[in-house]
Every structure is written in C-alpha cells, then in structure tokens.
C-alpha cells in the first residue's frame, strides 16, 4: 500500500487538510503527516480535522478516516551558529482513509 508523506509547517491548517484530500482522492489512502518543532500543533489540528471530516474541504475525504499511528521523537540537528547539536521534537501521524470518496460536483 502506497503512503504519501505531507510535511506540515506554519501555513494555515486548511492547506494541509486540502493536501490530504488531494492525496486520498488520487488513490493514496494512507497519508503520513510529519511536523517538527512549533508546527506540531498544526499537524495535530490537521489530523483531527481530517478524522472528524470537519469543514467543507474535509468533506471530500473518504467515509471514515482513522489515525493509524502517532510517533513522537527527537531529531538532533546542527545549531545555526555551528556550536554543536540541539534536539528538535518531531511527530509522525499516519492517517488511513476507508470507504468511498464523495463524488465531486463539476460545474459545466
């Protein structure tokens, strides 16, 4: 089963929800959301909006969306000033869509 990875940053959450909808609409029913540092809250919000199918954008998701797994870790990255390393929190949220994707109404 293919898994699409979406990197979540500081942009508005609805953009990441739309990315999940587009991925699942194109056939990737398993999507991994990855976020680091202060963007972790956006990843959690995106996963919850998708899981609850909340809002007009999320209405384009499959009938049910489950959170398959959540992994939390710390990545060591080089400091900007070059003086050693520092830890950055990372979250991986795997969403799985089941069921049919609602048909898109096309305007003629």
PDB file of N, CA and C in Angstrom:
ATOM      1  N   UNK A   1       0.848  -1.182   0.000  1.00  0.00           N
ATOM      2  CA  UNK A   1       0.000   0.000   0.000  1.00  0.00           C
ATOM      3  C   UNK A   1       0.890   1.241   0.000  1.00  0.00           C
ATOM      4  N   UNK A   2       0.620   2.160  -0.926  1.00  0.00           N
ATOM      5  CA  UNK A   2       1.404   3.384  -1.027  1.00  0.00           C
ATOM      6  C   UNK A   2       1.079   4.319   0.129  1.00  0.00           C
ATOM      7  N   UNK A   3       2.105   5.033   0.554  1.00  0.00           N
ATOM      8  CA  UNK A   3       1.930   6.002   1.642  1.00  0.00           C
ATOM      9  C   UNK A   3       2.481   7.344   1.182  1.00  0.00           C
ATOM     10  N   UNK A   4       1.652   8.350   1.180  1.00  0.00           N
ATOM     11  CA  UNK A   4       2.066   9.696   0.782  1.00  0.00           C
ATOM     12  C   UNK A   4       2.513  10.437   2.028  1.00  0.00           C
ATOM     13  N   UNK A   5       3.606  11.178   1.936  1.00  0.00           N
ATOM     14  CA  UNK A   5       4.093  11.952   3.072  1.00  0.00           C
ATOM     15  C   UNK A   5       3.848  13.431   2.814  1.00  0.00           C
ATOM     16  N   UNK A   6       3.263  14.099   3.812  1.00  0.00           N
ATOM     17  CA  UNK A   6       2.996  15.530   3.743  1.00  0.00           C
ATOM     18  C   UNK A   6       3.732  16.190   4.903  1.00  0.00           C
ATOM     19  N   UNK A   7       4.594  17.148   4.576  1.00  0.00           N
ATOM     20  CA  UNK A   7       5.323  17.882   5.605  1.00  0.00           C
ATOM     21  C   UNK A   7       4.492  19.089   6.019  1.00  0.00           C
ATOM     22  N   UNK A   8       4.181  19.164   7.307  1.00  0.00           N
ATOM     23  CA  UNK A   8       3.337  20.232   7.839  1.00  0.00           C
ATOM     24  C   UNK A   8       4.237  21.313   8.425  1.00  0.00           C
ATOM     25  N   UNK A   9       3.954  22.557   8.040  1.00  0.00           N
ATOM     26  CA  UNK A   9       4.725  23.693   8.533  1.00  0.00           C
ATOM     27  C   UNK A   9       3.825  24.700   9.215  1.00  0.00           C
ATOM     28  N   UNK A  10       4.104  25.974   8.980  1.00  0.00           N
ATOM     29  CA  UNK A  10       3.382  27.043   9.674  1.00  0.00           C
ATOM     30  C   UNK A  10       2.283  27.683   8.835  1.00  0.00           C
ATOM     31  N   UNK A  11       2.004  27.135   7.653  1.00  0.00           N
ATOM     32  CA  UNK A  11       0.925  27.673   6.820  1.00  0.00           C
ATOM     33  C   UNK A  11      -0.422  27.364   7.467  1.00  0.00           C
ATOM     34  N   UNK A  12      -1.501  27.973   6.986  1.00  0.00           N
ATOM     35  CA  UNK A  12      -2.829  27.688   7.556  1.00  0.00           C
ATOM     36  C   UNK A  12      -3.198  26.204   7.433  1.00  0.00           C
ATOM     37  N   UNK A  13      -3.877  25.697   8.450  1.00  0.00           N
ATOM     38  CA  UNK A  13      -4.200  24.271   8.542  1.00  0.00           C
ATOM     39  C   UNK A  13      -5.025  23.799   7.348  1.00  0.00           C
ATOM     40  N   UNK A  14      -5.936  24.641   6.840  1.00  0.00           N
ATOM     41  CA  UNK A  14      -6.800  24.184   5.747  1.00  0.00           C
ATOM     42  C   UNK A  14      -6.004  23.804   4.501  1.00  0.00           C
ATOM     43  N   UNK A  15      -4.812  24.345   4.328  1.00  0.00           N
ATOM     44  CA  UNK A  15      -3.982  23.960   3.187  1.00  0.00           C
ATOM     45  C   UNK A  15      -3.483  22.526   3.324  1.00  0.00           C
ATOM     46  N   UNK A  16      -3.178  22.110   4.544  1.00  0.00           N
ATOM     47  CA  UNK A  16      -2.724  20.739   4.772  1.00  0.00           C
ATOM     48  C   UNK A  16      -3.890  19.757   4.694  1.00  0.00           C
ATOM     49  N   UNK A  17      -5.076  20.185   5.153  1.00  0.00           N
ATOM     50  CA  UNK A  17      -6.272  19.346   5.007  1.00  0.00           C
ATOM     51  C   UNK A  17      -6.543  19.129   3.520  1.00  0.00           C
ATOM     52  N   UNK A  18      -6.419  20.187   2.725  1.00  0.00           N
ATOM     53  CA  UNK A  18      -6.625  20.062   1.275  1.00  0.00           C
ATOM     54  C   UNK A  18      -5.596  19.107   0.664  1.00  0.00           C
ATOM     55  N   UNK A  19      -4.356  19.150   1.140  1.00  0.00           N
ATOM     56  CA  UNK A  19      -3.323  18.241   0.635  1.00  0.00           C
ATOM     57  C   UNK A  19      -3.677  16.789   0.942  1.00  0.00           C
ATOM     58  N   UNK A  20      -4.231  16.533   2.134  1.00  0.00           N
ATOM     59  CA  UNK A  20      -4.666  15.176   2.491  1.00  0.00           C
ATOM     60  C   UNK A  20      -5.819  14.747   1.589  1.00  0.00           C
ATOM     61  N   UNK A  21      -6.779  15.641   1.368  1.00  0.00           N
ATOM     62  CA  UNK A  21      -7.919  15.331   0.494  1.00  0.00           C
ATOM     63  C   UNK A  21      -7.422  14.991  -0.906  1.00  0.00           C
ATOM     64  N   UNK A  22      -6.506  15.783  -1.438  1.00  0.00           N
ATOM     65  CA  UNK A  22      -5.993  15.540  -2.784  1.00  0.00           C
ATOM     66  C   UNK A  22      -5.239  14.218  -2.862  1.00  0.00           C
ATOM     67  N   UNK A  23      -4.469  13.893  -1.824  1.00  0.00           N
ATOM     68  CA  UNK A  23      -3.726  12.633  -1.814  1.00  0.00           C
ATOM     69  C   UNK A  23      -4.676  11.441  -1.793  1.00  0.00           C
ATOM     70  N   UNK A  24      -5.694  11.508  -0.938  1.00  0.00           N
ATOM     71  CA  UNK A  24      -6.631  10.391  -0.844  1.00  0.00           C
ATOM     72  C   UNK A  24      -7.517  10.300  -2.078  1.00  0.00           C
ATOM     73  N   UNK A  25      -7.830  11.432  -2.682  1.00  0.00           N
ATOM     74  CA  UNK A  25      -8.636  11.440  -3.900  1.00  0.00           C
ATOM     75  C   UNK A  25      -7.874  10.815  -5.068  1.00  0.00           C
ATOM     76  N   UNK A  26      -6.551  10.951  -5.055  1.00  0.00           N
ATOM     77  CA  UNK A  26      -5.739  10.385  -6.134  1.00  0.00           C
ATOM     78  C   UNK A  26      -5.397   8.916  -5.899  1.00  0.00           C
ATOM     79  N   UNK A  27      -5.888   8.338  -4.817  1.00  0.00           N
ATOM     80  CA  UNK A  27      -5.699   6.905  -4.592  1.00  0.00           C
ATOM     81  C   UNK A  27      -4.804   6.531  -3.433  1.00  0.00           C
ATOM     82  N   UNK A  28      -4.090   7.481  -2.855  1.00  0.00           N
ATOM     83  CA  UNK A  28      -3.236   7.177  -1.699  1.00  0.00           C
ATOM     84  C   UNK A  28      -4.090   7.229  -0.441  1.00  0.00           C
ATOM     85  N   UNK A  29      -4.537   6.067   0.022  1.00  0.00           N
ATOM     86  CA  UNK A  29      -5.431   6.033   1.182  1.00  0.00           C
ATOM     87  C   UNK A  29      -4.682   6.081   2.502  1.00  0.00           C
ATOM     88  N   UNK A  30      -3.357   6.006   2.477  1.00  0.00           N
ATOM     89  CA  UNK A  30      -2.544   6.128   3.689  1.00  0.00           C
ATOM     90  C   UNK A  30      -1.655   7.357   3.521  1.00  0.00           C
ATOM     91  N   UNK A  31      -1.768   8.292   4.471  1.00  0.00           N
ATOM     92  CA  UNK A  31      -1.031   9.555   4.405  1.00  0.00           C
ATOM     93  C   UNK A  31      -0.288   9.753   5.716  1.00  0.00           C
ATOM     94  N   UNK A  32       1.002  10.117   5.609  1.00  0.00           N
ATOM     95  CA  UNK A  32       1.819  10.391   6.798  1.00  0.00           C
ATOM     96  C   UNK A  32       2.033  11.895   6.905  1.00  0.00           C
ATOM     97  N   UNK A  33       1.576  12.473   8.014  1.00  0.00           N
ATOM     98  CA  UNK A  33       1.826  13.882   8.309  1.00  0.00           C
ATOM     99  C   UNK A  33       3.088  13.957   9.160  1.00  0.00           C
ATOM    100  N   UNK A  34       4.029  14.789   8.768  1.00  0.00           N
ATOM    101  CA  UNK A  34       5.274  14.946   9.509  1.00  0.00           C
ATOM    102  C   UNK A  34       5.459  16.419   9.844  1.00  0.00           C
ATOM    103  N   UNK A  35       5.751  16.707  11.105  1.00  0.00           N
ATOM    104  CA  UNK A  35       5.976  18.092  11.530  1.00  0.00           C
ATOM    105  C   UNK A  35       7.091  18.131  12.563  1.00  0.00           C
ATOM    106  N   UNK A  36       7.773  19.263  12.597  1.00  0.00           N
ATOM    107  CA  UNK A  36       8.856  19.469  13.553  1.00  0.00           C
ATOM    108  C   UNK A  36       8.623  20.752  14.327  1.00  0.00           C
ATOM    109  N   UNK A  37       9.057  20.760  15.572  1.00  0.00           N
ATOM    110  CA  UNK A  37       9.041  21.975  16.385  1.00  0.00           C
ATOM    111  C   UNK A  37       7.673  22.586  16.568  1.00  0.00           C
ATOM    112  N   UNK A  38       7.578  23.891  16.309  1.00  0.00           N
ATOM    113  CA  UNK A  38       6.334  24.611  16.574  1.00  0.00           C
ATOM    114  C   UNK A  38       5.216  24.262  15.599  1.00  0.00           C
ATOM    115  N   UNK A  39       5.504  23.525  14.539  1.00  0.00           N
ATOM    116  CA  UNK A  39       4.472  23.119  13.577  1.00  0.00           C
ATOM    117  C   UNK A  39       3.734  21.854  14.015  1.00  0.00           C
ATOM    118  N   UNK A  40       4.136  21.256  15.128  1.00  0.00           N
ATOM    119  CA  UNK A  40       3.489  20.028  15.597  1.00  0.00           C
ATOM    120  C   UNK A  40       2.005  20.264  15.869  1.00  0.00           C
ATOM    121  N   UNK A  41       1.656  21.399  16.425  1.00  0.00           N
ATOM    122  CA  UNK A  41       0.246  21.719  16.679  1.00  0.00           C
ATOM    123  C   UNK A  41      -0.569  21.744  15.401  1.00  0.00           C
ATOM    124  N   UNK A  42       0.003  22.274  14.315  1.00  0.00           N
ATOM    125  CA  UNK A  42      -0.697  22.281  13.031  1.00  0.00           C
ATOM    126  C   UNK A  42      -0.935  20.864  12.519  1.00  0.00           C
ATOM    127  N   UNK A  43       0.033  19.975  12.727  1.00  0.00           N
ATOM    128  CA  UNK A  43      -0.129  18.587  12.284  1.00  0.00           C
ATOM    129  C   UNK A  43      -1.243  17.896  13.062  1.00  0.00           C
ATOM    130  N   UNK A  44      -1.300  18.131  14.363  1.00  0.00           N
ATOM    131  CA  UNK A  44      -2.356  17.536  15.188  1.00  0.00           C
ATOM    132  C   UNK A  44      -3.720  18.094  14.774  1.00  0.00           C
ATOM    133  N   UNK A  45      -3.805  19.405  14.555  1.00  0.00           N
ATOM    134  CA  UNK A  45      -5.065  20.011  14.105  1.00  0.00           C
ATOM    135  C   UNK A  45      -5.495  19.447  12.755  1.00  0.00           C
ATOM    136  N   UNK A  46      -4.555  19.284  11.841  1.00  0.00           N
ATOM    137  CA  UNK A  46      -4.864  18.721  10.524  1.00  0.00           C
ATOM    138  C   UNK A  46      -5.407  17.307  10.656  1.00  0.00           C
ATOM    139  N   UNK A  47      -4.753  16.489  11.479  1.00  0.00           N
ATOM    140  CA  UNK A  47      -5.200  15.108  11.662  1.00  0.00           C
ATOM    141  C   UNK A  47      -6.602  15.057  12.263  1.00  0.00           C
ATOM    142  N   UNK A  48      -6.876  15.903  13.230  1.00  0.00           N
ATOM    143  CA  UNK A  48      -8.196  15.900  13.868  1.00  0.00           C
ATOM    144  C   UNK A  48      -9.286  16.391  12.921  1.00  0.00           C
ATOM    145  N   UNK A  49      -9.010  17.422  12.140  1.00  0.00           N
ATOM    146  CA  UNK A  49      -9.997  17.895  11.167  1.00  0.00           C
ATOM    147  C   UNK A  49     -10.296  16.815  10.135  1.00  0.00           C
ATOM    148  N   UNK A  50      -9.270  16.093   9.721  1.00  0.00           N
ATOM    149  CA  UNK A  50      -9.481  15.006   8.756  1.00  0.00           C
ATOM    150  C   UNK A  50     -10.229  13.843   9.400  1.00  0.00           C
ATOM    151  N   UNK A  51      -9.854  13.492  10.614  1.00  0.00           N
ATOM    152  CA  UNK A  51     -10.503  12.362  11.290  1.00  0.00           C
ATOM    153  C   UNK A  51     -11.988  12.624  11.501  1.00  0.00           C
ATOM    154  N   UNK A  52     -12.327  13.858  11.873  1.00  0.00           N
ATOM    155  CA  UNK A  52     -13.734  14.204  12.111  1.00  0.00           C
ATOM    156  C   UNK A  52     -14.444  14.648  10.841  1.00  0.00           C
ATOM    157  N   UNK A  53     -13.688  14.774   9.719  1.00  0.00           N
ATOM    158  CA  UNK A  53     -14.231  15.259   8.439  1.00  0.00           C
ATOM    159  C   UNK A  53     -14.959  16.580   8.665  1.00  0.00           C
ATOM    160  N   UNK A  54     -14.304  17.481   9.380  1.00  0.00           N
ATOM    161  CA  UNK A  54     -14.896  18.756   9.764  1.00  0.00           C
ATOM    162  C   UNK A  54     -14.588  19.823   8.717  1.00  0.00           C
ATOM    163  N   UNK A  55     -15.618  20.505   8.238  1.00  0.00           N
ATOM    164  CA  UNK A  55     -15.441  21.597   7.289  1.00  0.00           C
ATOM    165  C   UNK A  55     -15.716  21.173   5.859  1.00  0.00           C
ATOM    166  N   UNK A  56     -15.857  22.158   4.991  1.00  0.00           N
ATOM    167  CA  UNK A  56     -16.197  21.871   3.597  1.00  0.00           C
ATOM    168  C   UNK A  56     -15.048  21.206   2.854  1.00  0.00           C
ATOM    169  N   UNK A  57     -13.822  21.549   3.169  1.00  0.00           N
ATOM    170  CA  UNK A  57     -12.684  20.922   2.490  1.00  0.00           C
ATOM    171  C   UNK A  57     -12.592  19.454   2.881  1.00  0.00           C
ATOM    172  N   UNK A  58     -12.707  19.152   4.177  1.00  0.00           N
ATOM    173  CA  UNK A  58     -12.584  17.777   4.659  1.00  0.00           C
ATOM    174  C   UNK A  58     -13.760  16.904   4.241  1.00  0.00           C
ATOM    175  N   UNK A  59     -14.839  17.499   3.757  1.00  0.00           N
ATOM    176  CA  UNK A  59     -15.979  16.701   3.290  1.00  0.00           C
ATOM    177  C   UNK A  59     -15.604  15.867   2.075  1.00  0.00           C
ATOM    178  N   UNK A  60     -14.501  16.188   1.407  1.00  0.00           N
ATOM    179  CA  UNK A  60     -14.045  15.425   0.254  1.00  0.00           C
ATOM    180  C   UNK A  60     -13.224  14.202   0.607  1.00  0.00           C
ATOM    181  N   UNK A  61     -13.091  13.909   1.895  1.00  0.00           N
ATOM    182  CA  UNK A  61     -12.336  12.735   2.341  1.00  0.00           C
ATOM    183  C   UNK A  61     -13.196  11.477   2.262  1.00  0.00           C
ATOM    184  N   UNK A  62     -12.571  10.287   2.333  1.00  0.00           N
ATOM    185  CA  UNK A  62     -13.351   9.048   2.374  1.00  0.00           C
ATOM    186  C   UNK A  62     -14.301   9.024   3.568  1.00  0.00           C
ATOM    187  N   UNK A  63     -15.220   8.051   3.550  1.00  0.00           N
ATOM    188  CA  UNK A  63     -16.268   7.963   4.576  1.00  0.00           C
ATOM    189  C   UNK A  63     -15.710   7.971   5.991  1.00  0.00           C
ATOM    190  N   UNK A  64     -14.649   7.233   6.227  1.00  0.00           N
ATOM    191  CA  UNK A  64     -14.018   7.228   7.553  1.00  0.00           C
ATOM    192  C   UNK A  64     -12.516   7.429   7.398  1.00  0.00           C
ATOM    193  N   UNK A  65     -11.951   8.201   8.301  1.00  0.00           N
ATOM    194  CA  UNK A  65     -10.503   8.421   8.344  1.00  0.00           C
ATOM    195  C   UNK A  65     -10.053   8.065   9.753  1.00  0.00           C
ATOM    196  N   UNK A  66      -9.121   7.109   9.837  1.00  0.00           N
ATOM    197  CA  UNK A  66      -8.608   6.653  11.127  1.00  0.00           C
ATOM    198  C   UNK A  66      -7.178   7.146  11.315  1.00  0.00           C
ATOM    199  N   UNK A  67      -6.812   7.396  12.560  1.00  0.00           N
ATOM    200  CA  UNK A  67      -5.420   7.658  12.889  1.00  0.00           C
ATOM    201  C   UNK A  67      -4.797   6.294  13.142  1.00  0.00           C
ATOM    202  N   UNK A  68      -3.965   5.848  12.216  1.00  0.00           N
ATOM    203  CA  UNK A  68      -3.360   4.520  12.317  1.00  0.00           C
ATOM    204  C   UNK A  68      -2.267   4.502  13.382  1.00  0.00           C
ATOM    205  N   UNK A  69      -1.425   5.552  13.400  1.00  0.00           N
ATOM    206  CA  UNK A  69      -0.355   5.590  14.397  1.00  0.00           C
ATOM    207  C   UNK A  69       0.124   7.021  14.606  1.00  0.00           C
ATOM    208  N   UNK A  70       0.715   7.233  15.771  1.00  0.00           N
ATOM    209  CA  UNK A  70       1.347   8.515  16.107  1.00  0.00           C
ATOM    210  C   UNK A  70       2.706   8.188  16.712  1.00  0.00           C
ATOM    211  N   UNK A  71       3.755   8.732  16.119  1.00  0.00           N
ATOM    212  CA  UNK A  71       5.108   8.525  16.626  1.00  0.00           C
ATOM    213  C   UNK A  71       5.707   9.881  16.972  1.00  0.00           C
ATOM    214  N   UNK A  72       6.320   9.946  18.141  1.00  0.00           N
ATOM    215  CA  UNK A  72       6.960  11.175  18.601  1.00  0.00           C
ATOM    216  C   UNK A  72       8.431  10.864  18.838  1.00  0.00           C
ATOM    217  N   UNK A  73       9.298  11.756  18.372  1.00  0.00           N
ATOM    218  CA  UNK A  73      10.729  11.526  18.524  1.00  0.00           C
ATOM    219  C   UNK A  73      11.447  12.862  18.658  1.00  0.00           C
ATOM    220  N   UNK A  74      12.742  12.775  18.875  1.00  0.00           N
ATOM    221  CA  UNK A  74      13.601  13.955  18.893  1.00  0.00           C
ATOM    222  C   UNK A  74      14.702  13.744  17.865  1.00  0.00           C
ATOM    223  N   UNK A  75      14.841  14.698  16.955  1.00  0.00           N
ATOM    224  CA  UNK A  75      15.919  14.656  15.969  1.00  0.00           C
ATOM    225  C   UNK A  75      17.007  15.624  16.399  1.00  0.00           C
ATOM    226  N   UNK A  76      18.219  15.191  16.257  1.00  0.00           N
ATOM    227  CA  UNK A  76      19.347  16.062  16.565  1.00  0.00           C
ATOM    228  C   UNK A  76      19.737  16.803  15.291  1.00  0.00           C
ATOM    229  N   UNK A  77      19.761  18.131  15.368  1.00  0.00           N
ATOM    230  CA  UNK A  77      20.134  18.957  14.220  1.00  0.00           C
ATOM    231  C   UNK A  77      21.270  19.887  14.614  1.00  0.00           C
ATOM    232  N   UNK A  78      22.021  20.288  13.618  1.00  0.00           N
ATOM    233  CA  UNK A  78      23.132  21.213  13.854  1.00  0.00           C
ATOM    234  C   UNK A  78      22.588  22.586  14.220  1.00  0.00           C
ATOM    235  N   UNK A  79      23.188  23.190  15.212  1.00  0.00           N
ATOM    236  CA  UNK A  79      22.776  24.540  15.611  1.00  0.00           C
ATOM    237  C   UNK A  79      23.140  25.535  14.518  1.00  0.00           C
ATOM    238  N   UNK A  80      22.367  26.622  14.436  1.00  0.00           N
ATOM    239  CA  UNK A  80      22.610  27.641  13.406  1.00  0.00           C
ATOM    240  C   UNK A  80      23.980  28.293  13.541  1.00  0.00           C
ATOM    241  N   UNK A  81      24.436  28.442  14.790  1.00  0.00           N
ATOM    242  CA  UNK A  81      25.745  29.077  14.990  1.00  0.00           C
ATOM    243  C   UNK A  81      26.898  28.080  14.848  1.00  0.00           C
ATOM    244  N   UNK A  82      26.560  26.809  14.552  1.00  0.00           N
ATOM    245  CA  UNK A  82      27.582  25.796  14.333  1.00  0.00           C
ATOM    246  C   UNK A  82      28.197  25.235  15.593  1.00  0.00           C
ATOM    247  N   UNK A  83      27.706  25.623  16.762  1.00  0.00           N
ATOM    248  CA  UNK A  83      28.278  25.180  18.034  1.00  0.00           C
ATOM    249  C   UNK A  83      27.545  23.952  18.562  1.00  0.00           C
ATOM    250  N   UNK A  84      27.723  22.824  17.905  1.00  0.00           N
ATOM    251  CA  UNK A  84      27.127  21.587  18.401  1.00  0.00           C
ATOM    252  C   UNK A  84      25.760  21.293  17.813  1.00  0.00           C
ATOM    253  N   UNK A  85      25.039  20.426  18.523  1.00  0.00           N
ATOM    254  CA  UNK A  85      23.721  19.995  18.068  1.00  0.00           C
ATOM    255  C   UNK A  85      22.661  20.364  19.085  1.00  0.00           C
ATOM    256  N   UNK A  86      21.411  20.371  18.606  1.00  0.00           N
ATOM    257  CA  UNK A  86      20.284  20.590  19.506  1.00  0.00           C
ATOM    258  C   UNK A  86      19.168  19.639  19.099  1.00  0.00           C
ATOM    259  N   UNK A  87      18.308  19.325  20.046  1.00  0.00           N
ATOM    260  CA  UNK A  87      17.198  18.423  19.776  1.00  0.00           C
ATOM    261  C   UNK A  87      15.966  19.170  19.304  1.00  0.00           C
ATOM    262  N   UNK A  88      15.300  18.616  18.289  1.00  0.00           N
ATOM    263  CA  UNK A  88      14.060  19.182  17.768  1.00  0.00           C
ATOM    264  C   UNK A  88      13.002  18.085  17.825  1.00  0.00           C
ATOM    265  N   UNK A  89      11.857  18.389  18.431  1.00  0.00           N
ATOM    266  CA  UNK A  89      10.774  17.418  18.514  1.00  0.00           C
ATOM    267  C   UNK A  89      10.158  17.198  17.136  1.00  0.00           C
ATOM    268  N   UNK A  90       9.787  15.937  16.865  1.00  0.00           N
ATOM    269  CA  UNK A  90       9.195  15.556  15.580  1.00  0.00           C
ATOM    270  C   UNK A  90       7.994  14.665  15.859  1.00  0.00           C
ATOM    271  N   UNK A  91       6.926  14.836  15.064  1.00  0.00           N
ATOM    272  CA  UNK A  91       5.766  13.965  15.171  1.00  0.00           C
ATOM    273  C   UNK A  91       5.439  13.415  13.788  1.00  0.00           C
ATOM    274  N   UNK A  92       5.082  12.138  13.747  1.00  0.00           N
ATOM    275  CA  UNK A  92       4.619  11.473  12.527  1.00  0.00           C
ATOM    276  C   UNK A  92       3.226  10.938  12.835  1.00  0.00           C
ATOM    277  N   UNK A  93       2.226  11.392  12.083  1.00  0.00           N
ATOM    278  CA  UNK A  93       0.848  10.934  12.257  1.00  0.00           C
ATOM    279  C   UNK A  93       0.438  10.250  10.964  1.00  0.00           C
ATOM    280  N   UNK A  94       0.050   8.974  11.053  1.00  0.00           N
ATOM    281  CA  UNK A  94      -0.364   8.230   9.866  1.00  0.00           C
ATOM    282  C   UNK A  94      -1.883   8.139   9.858  1.00  0.00           C
ATOM    283  N   UNK A  95      -2.493   8.669   8.788  1.00  0.00           N
ATOM    284  CA  UNK A  95      -3.943   8.634   8.604  1.00  0.00           C
ATOM    285  C   UNK A  95      -4.279   7.601   7.543  1.00  0.00           C
ATOM    286  N   UNK A  96      -5.395   6.900   7.750  1.00  0.00           N
ATOM    287  CA  UNK A  96      -5.853   5.920   6.767  1.00  0.00           C
ATOM    288  C   UNK A  96      -7.314   6.180   6.454  1.00  0.00           C
ATOM    289  N   UNK A  97      -7.621   6.328   5.184  1.00  0.00           N
ATOM    290  CA  UNK A  97      -8.991   6.558   4.741  1.00  0.00           C
ATOM    291  C   UNK A  97      -9.620   5.264   4.262  1.00  0.00           C
ATOM    292  N   UNK A  98     -10.867   5.025   4.677  1.00  0.00           N
ATOM    293  CA  UNK A  98     -11.603   3.826   4.270  1.00  0.00           C
ATOM    294  C   UNK A  98     -12.947   4.243   3.714  1.00  0.00           C
ATOM    295  N   UNK A  99     -13.397   3.529   2.699  1.00  0.00           N
ATOM    296  CA  UNK A  99     -14.691   3.826   2.107  1.00  0.00           C
ATOM    297  C   UNK A  99     -14.542   4.652   0.843  1.00  0.00           C
ATOM    298  N   UNK A 100     -15.674   5.072   0.323  1.00  0.00           N
ATOM    299  CA  UNK A 100     -15.699   5.815  -0.929  1.00  0.00           C
ATOM    300  C   UNK A 100     -15.440   7.296  -0.705  1.00  0.00           C
ATOM    301  N   UNK A 101     -14.784   7.894  -1.671  1.00  0.00           N
ATOM    302  CA  UNK A 101     -14.592   9.343  -1.680  1.00  0.00           C
ATOM    303  C   UNK A 101     -15.825   9.949  -2.334  1.00  0.00           C
ATOM    304  N   UNK A 102     -16.440  10.957  -1.721  1.00  0.00           N
ATOM    305  CA  UNK A 102     -17.628  11.573  -2.324  1.00  0.00           C
ATOM    306  C   UNK A 102     -17.330  12.106  -3.721  1.00  0.00           C
ATOM    307  N   UNK A 103     -18.300  11.976  -4.604  1.00  0.00           N
ATOM    308  CA  UNK A 103     -18.133  12.468  -5.973  1.00  0.00           C
ATOM    309  C   UNK A 103     -18.053  13.987  -5.969  1.00  0.00           C
ATOM    310  N   UNK A 104     -17.153  14.514  -6.770  1.00  0.00           N
ATOM    311  CA  UNK A 104     -17.004  15.964  -6.884  1.00  0.00           C
ATOM    312  C   UNK A 104     -18.044  16.486  -7.861  1.00  0.00           C
ATOM    313  N   UNK A 105     -18.793  17.501  -7.471  1.00  0.00           N
ATOM    314  CA  UNK A 105     -19.757  18.130  -8.368  1.00  0.00           C
ATOM    315  C   UNK A 105     -18.998  19.076  -9.284  1.00  0.00           C
ATOM    316  N   UNK A 106     -19.069  18.787 -10.584  1.00  0.00           N
ATOM    317  CA  UNK A 106     -18.379  19.632 -11.551  1.00  0.00           C
ATOM    318  C   UNK A 106     -19.360  20.602 -12.166  1.00  0.00           C
ATOM    319  N   UNK A 107     -18.954  21.865 -12.224  1.00  0.00           N
ATOM    320  CA  UNK A 107     -19.798  22.878 -12.845  1.00  0.00           C
ATOM    321  C   UNK A 107     -19.552  22.866 -14.342  1.00  0.00           C
ATOM    322  N   UNK A 108     -20.619  22.980 -15.111  1.00  0.00           N
ATOM    323  CA  UNK A 108     -20.479  22.963 -16.571  1.00  0.00           C
ATOM    324  C   UNK A 108     -20.573  24.339 -17.135  1.00  0.00           C
TER     325      UNK A 108
END
